[in-house]
Amino acid sequence: MARGRRGRVEIMMDILDEVSSSVNKTKIVYGANLNFSMAERYLPLLIKRGFLEKVNSGNGVMYKITGSGKQILKDYRRVSALF
């Protein structure tokens, strides 16, 4: 996704794009070009909206994209392609 000066929506879409399978917070932070403070702000919001799930596993806390998250990401990509 686009990098540089991003707005809230772009940041959230970058996070969803990074969470194609179960990943930990560190992978999200590095893959979506965030810092941990930003991740702490956006991950709960995406979970609350139903786009991500927080899963406790043997490897610690993992994040997983939901069906709604996949759909919103697909719709965002389709709209972004128009501009």
N, C-alpha and C. Protein backbone atom coordinates (compact mmCIF):
# COMPACT_ATOMS: atom_id res chain seq x y z
N MET A 1 0.83 -1.18 0.00
CA MET A 1 0.00 0.00 0.00
C MET A 1 0.88 1.25 0.00
N ALA A 2 0.22 2.40 -0.09
CA ALA A 2 0.96 3.65 -0.17
C ALA A 2 1.72 3.93 1.12
N ARG A 3 2.87 4.55 1.00
CA ARG A 3 3.68 4.91 2.15
C ARG A 3 3.86 6.43 2.17
N GLY A 4 4.46 6.93 3.21
CA GLY A 4 4.65 8.35 3.35
C GLY A 4 3.61 8.91 4.29
N ARG A 5 3.14 10.09 4.04
CA ARG A 5 2.14 10.73 4.90
C ARG A 5 0.81 10.04 4.69
N ARG A 6 0.36 9.29 5.70
CA ARG A 6 -0.88 8.53 5.58
C ARG A 6 -1.91 9.03 6.58
N GLY A 7 -3.14 8.91 6.19
CA GLY A 7 -4.24 9.22 7.10
C GLY A 7 -4.66 7.97 7.87
N ARG A 8 -5.66 8.13 8.71
CA ARG A 8 -6.14 7.01 9.54
C ARG A 8 -6.58 5.82 8.70
N VAL A 9 -7.32 6.10 7.66
CA VAL A 9 -7.85 5.00 6.83
C VAL A 9 -6.70 4.23 6.18
N GLU A 10 -5.74 4.94 5.63
CA GLU A 10 -4.60 4.28 5.00
C GLU A 10 -3.82 3.43 5.99
N ILE A 11 -3.64 3.94 7.20
CA ILE A 11 -2.92 3.18 8.23
C ILE A 11 -3.69 1.91 8.57
N MET A 12 -5.00 2.02 8.76
CA MET A 12 -5.79 0.84 9.09
C MET A 12 -5.79 -0.18 7.95
N MET A 13 -5.83 0.29 6.72
CA MET A 13 -5.80 -0.63 5.59
C MET A 13 -4.43 -1.30 5.46
N ASP A 14 -3.36 -0.57 5.77
CA ASP A 14 -2.02 -1.16 5.77
C ASP A 14 -1.92 -2.26 6.83
N ILE A 15 -2.54 -2.03 7.97
CA ILE A 15 -2.55 -3.06 9.02
C ILE A 15 -3.31 -4.29 8.54
N LEU A 16 -4.50 -4.09 8.00
CA LEU A 16 -5.28 -5.22 7.51
C LEU A 16 -4.55 -5.97 6.40
N ASP A 17 -3.86 -5.23 5.56
CA ASP A 17 -3.09 -5.84 4.47
C ASP A 17 -1.98 -6.73 5.02
N GLU A 18 -1.42 -6.34 6.13
CA GLU A 18 -0.32 -7.09 6.75
C GLU A 18 -0.81 -8.36 7.46
N VAL A 19 -2.06 -8.36 7.88
CA VAL A 19 -2.60 -9.47 8.67
C VAL A 19 -3.36 -10.44 7.77
N SER A 20 -2.69 -10.99 6.77
CA SER A 20 -3.35 -11.95 5.88
C SER A 20 -3.46 -13.32 6.53
N SER A 21 -2.61 -13.58 7.50
CA SER A 21 -2.70 -14.81 8.30
C SER A 21 -2.45 -14.40 9.75
N SER A 22 -2.45 -15.33 10.67
CA SER A 22 -2.19 -14.99 12.07
C SER A 22 -0.77 -14.47 12.23
N VAL A 23 -0.65 -13.24 12.72
CA VAL A 23 0.67 -12.64 12.92
C VAL A 23 0.72 -11.95 14.28
N ASN A 24 1.93 -11.74 14.77
CA ASN A 24 2.08 -11.04 16.05
C ASN A 24 2.21 -9.54 15.82
N LYS A 25 2.18 -8.78 16.90
CA LYS A 25 2.21 -7.33 16.82
C LYS A 25 3.49 -6.81 16.16
N THR A 26 4.61 -7.46 16.44
CA THR A 26 5.88 -7.01 15.86
C THR A 26 5.84 -7.08 14.34
N LYS A 27 5.30 -8.16 13.79
CA LYS A 27 5.21 -8.28 12.32
C LYS A 27 4.30 -7.20 11.75
N ILE A 28 3.22 -6.90 12.45
CA ILE A 28 2.32 -5.84 11.99
C ILE A 28 3.04 -4.50 12.00
N VAL A 29 3.74 -4.21 13.08
CA VAL A 29 4.44 -2.93 13.22
C VAL A 29 5.45 -2.74 12.10
N TYR A 30 6.29 -3.74 11.87
CA TYR A 30 7.31 -3.61 10.83
C TYR A 30 6.71 -3.65 9.43
N GLY A 31 5.75 -4.54 9.21
CA GLY A 31 5.16 -4.68 7.87
C GLY A 31 4.33 -3.49 7.45
N ALA A 32 3.62 -2.88 8.40
CA ALA A 32 2.76 -1.74 8.08
C ALA A 32 3.47 -0.40 8.30
N ASN A 33 4.76 -0.46 8.63
CA ASN A 33 5.57 0.75 8.83
C ASN A 33 4.98 1.65 9.92
N LEU A 34 4.77 1.05 11.10
CA LEU A 34 4.23 1.77 12.25
C LEU A 34 5.24 1.77 13.38
N ASN A 35 4.90 2.44 14.45
CA ASN A 35 5.63 2.24 15.70
C ASN A 35 4.65 1.56 16.67
N PHE A 36 5.16 1.07 17.79
CA PHE A 36 4.31 0.32 18.70
C PHE A 36 3.19 1.18 19.29
N SER A 37 3.44 2.45 19.48
CA SER A 37 2.42 3.35 20.00
C SER A 37 1.24 3.44 19.03
N MET A 38 1.53 3.55 17.75
CA MET A 38 0.47 3.60 16.74
C MET A 38 -0.29 2.28 16.70
N ALA A 39 0.43 1.18 16.79
CA ALA A 39 -0.22 -0.13 16.79
C ALA A 39 -1.17 -0.24 17.97
N GLU A 40 -0.75 0.24 19.14
CA GLU A 40 -1.59 0.20 20.34
C GLU A 40 -2.86 1.04 20.17
N ARG A 41 -2.81 2.02 19.31
CA ARG A 41 -3.97 2.87 19.06
C ARG A 41 -4.93 2.23 18.05
N TYR A 42 -4.38 1.62 16.98
CA TYR A 42 -5.21 1.14 15.89
C TYR A 42 -5.68 -0.31 16.04
N LEU A 43 -4.91 -1.18 16.64
CA LEU A 43 -5.33 -2.57 16.76
C LEU A 43 -6.64 -2.73 17.55
N PRO A 44 -6.78 -2.08 18.72
CA PRO A 44 -8.06 -2.20 19.43
C PRO A 44 -9.25 -1.66 18.63
N LEU A 45 -9.01 -0.60 17.87
CA LEU A 45 -10.07 -0.03 17.04
C LEU A 45 -10.52 -1.02 15.96
N LEU A 46 -9.56 -1.66 15.31
CA LEU A 46 -9.89 -2.65 14.27
C LEU A 46 -10.57 -3.87 14.87
N ILE A 47 -10.20 -4.24 16.08
CA ILE A 47 -10.85 -5.36 16.76
C ILE A 47 -12.29 -4.97 17.12
N LYS A 48 -12.46 -3.78 17.66
CA LYS A 48 -13.79 -3.30 18.06
C LYS A 48 -14.74 -3.24 16.87
N ARG A 49 -14.22 -2.86 15.73
CA ARG A 49 -15.05 -2.76 14.52
C ARG A 49 -15.29 -4.11 13.85
N GLY A 50 -14.62 -5.15 14.35
CA GLY A 50 -14.84 -6.49 13.81
C GLY A 50 -13.98 -6.85 12.61
N PHE A 51 -12.93 -6.08 12.36
CA PHE A 51 -12.06 -6.34 11.22
C PHE A 51 -10.87 -7.23 11.58
N LEU A 52 -10.51 -7.28 12.85
CA LEU A 52 -9.43 -8.14 13.34
C LEU A 52 -9.91 -8.92 14.55
N GLU A 53 -9.26 -10.06 14.77
CA GLU A 53 -9.46 -10.85 15.98
C GLU A 53 -8.14 -10.96 16.70
N LYS A 54 -8.20 -10.93 18.01
CA LYS A 54 -7.02 -11.14 18.85
C LYS A 54 -7.11 -12.58 19.34
N VAL A 55 -6.08 -13.39 19.05
CA VAL A 55 -6.09 -14.81 19.37
C VAL A 55 -4.91 -15.13 20.27
N ASN A 56 -5.18 -15.77 21.40
CA ASN A 56 -4.10 -16.23 22.28
C ASN A 56 -3.67 -17.61 21.80
N SER A 57 -2.37 -17.76 21.54
CA SER A 57 -1.85 -19.04 21.08
C SER A 57 -0.63 -19.40 21.91
N GLY A 58 -0.05 -20.56 21.61
CA GLY A 58 1.16 -20.97 22.30
C GLY A 58 2.32 -20.03 22.05
N ASN A 59 2.25 -19.26 20.98
CA ASN A 59 3.31 -18.31 20.63
C ASN A 59 3.01 -16.91 21.15
N GLY A 60 2.00 -16.76 22.01
CA GLY A 60 1.63 -15.45 22.52
C GLY A 60 0.40 -14.92 21.81
N VAL A 61 0.20 -13.64 21.85
CA VAL A 61 -0.97 -13.01 21.24
C VAL A 61 -0.72 -12.85 19.74
N MET A 62 -1.69 -13.31 18.97
CA MET A 62 -1.63 -13.20 17.51
C MET A 62 -2.87 -12.43 17.05
N TYR A 63 -2.77 -11.84 15.88
CA TYR A 63 -3.88 -11.10 15.29
C TYR A 63 -4.25 -11.75 13.97
N LYS A 64 -5.56 -11.82 13.71
CA LYS A 64 -6.07 -12.51 12.53
C LYS A 64 -7.15 -11.65 11.89
N ILE A 65 -7.13 -11.53 10.58
CA ILE A 65 -8.14 -10.75 9.87
C ILE A 65 -9.44 -11.55 9.81
N THR A 66 -10.56 -10.85 9.93
CA THR A 66 -11.87 -11.49 9.86
C THR A 66 -12.42 -11.39 8.43
N GLY A 67 -13.55 -12.02 8.21
CA GLY A 67 -14.20 -11.91 6.90
C GLY A 67 -14.56 -10.47 6.58
N SER A 68 -15.03 -9.74 7.58
CA SER A 68 -15.36 -8.31 7.39
C SER A 68 -14.11 -7.51 7.05
N GLY A 69 -13.00 -7.86 7.69
CA GLY A 69 -11.74 -7.18 7.42
C GLY A 69 -11.28 -7.42 5.99
N LYS A 70 -11.41 -8.65 5.52
CA LYS A 70 -11.04 -8.97 4.14
C LYS A 70 -11.92 -8.20 3.16
N GLN A 71 -13.22 -8.12 3.47
CA GLN A 71 -14.14 -7.42 2.58
C GLN A 71 -13.85 -5.93 2.52
N ILE A 72 -13.61 -5.30 3.67
CA ILE A 72 -13.34 -3.86 3.67
C ILE A 72 -12.02 -3.56 2.95
N LEU A 73 -11.04 -4.42 3.10
CA LEU A 73 -9.76 -4.24 2.41
C LEU A 73 -9.95 -4.36 0.91
N LYS A 74 -10.74 -5.34 0.49
CA LYS A 74 -11.02 -5.53 -0.94
C LYS A 74 -11.75 -4.31 -1.50
N ASP A 75 -12.75 -3.81 -0.77
CA ASP A 75 -13.49 -2.63 -1.21
C ASP A 75 -12.59 -1.40 -1.27
N TYR A 76 -11.72 -1.24 -0.28
CA TYR A 76 -10.80 -0.11 -0.25
C TYR A 76 -9.87 -0.14 -1.47
N ARG A 77 -9.35 -1.32 -1.77
CA ARG A 77 -8.46 -1.44 -2.94
C ARG A 77 -9.19 -1.08 -4.23
N ARG A 78 -10.44 -1.54 -4.34
CA ARG A 78 -11.21 -1.25 -5.55
C ARG A 78 -11.46 0.25 -5.70
N VAL A 79 -11.81 0.92 -4.61
CA VAL A 79 -12.05 2.36 -4.67
C VAL A 79 -10.75 3.10 -4.92
N SER A 80 -9.66 2.70 -4.27
CA SER A 80 -8.36 3.37 -4.46
C SER A 80 -7.88 3.27 -5.89
N ALA A 81 -8.18 2.16 -6.54
CA ALA A 81 -7.74 1.97 -7.93
C ALA A 81 -8.40 2.98 -8.87
N LEU A 82 -9.53 3.54 -8.48
CA LEU A 82 -10.22 4.52 -9.31
C LEU A 82 -9.54 5.87 -9.29
N PHE A 83 -8.72 6.13 -8.27
CA PHE A 83 -8.07 7.42 -8.12
C PHE A 83 -6.61 7.27 -8.32
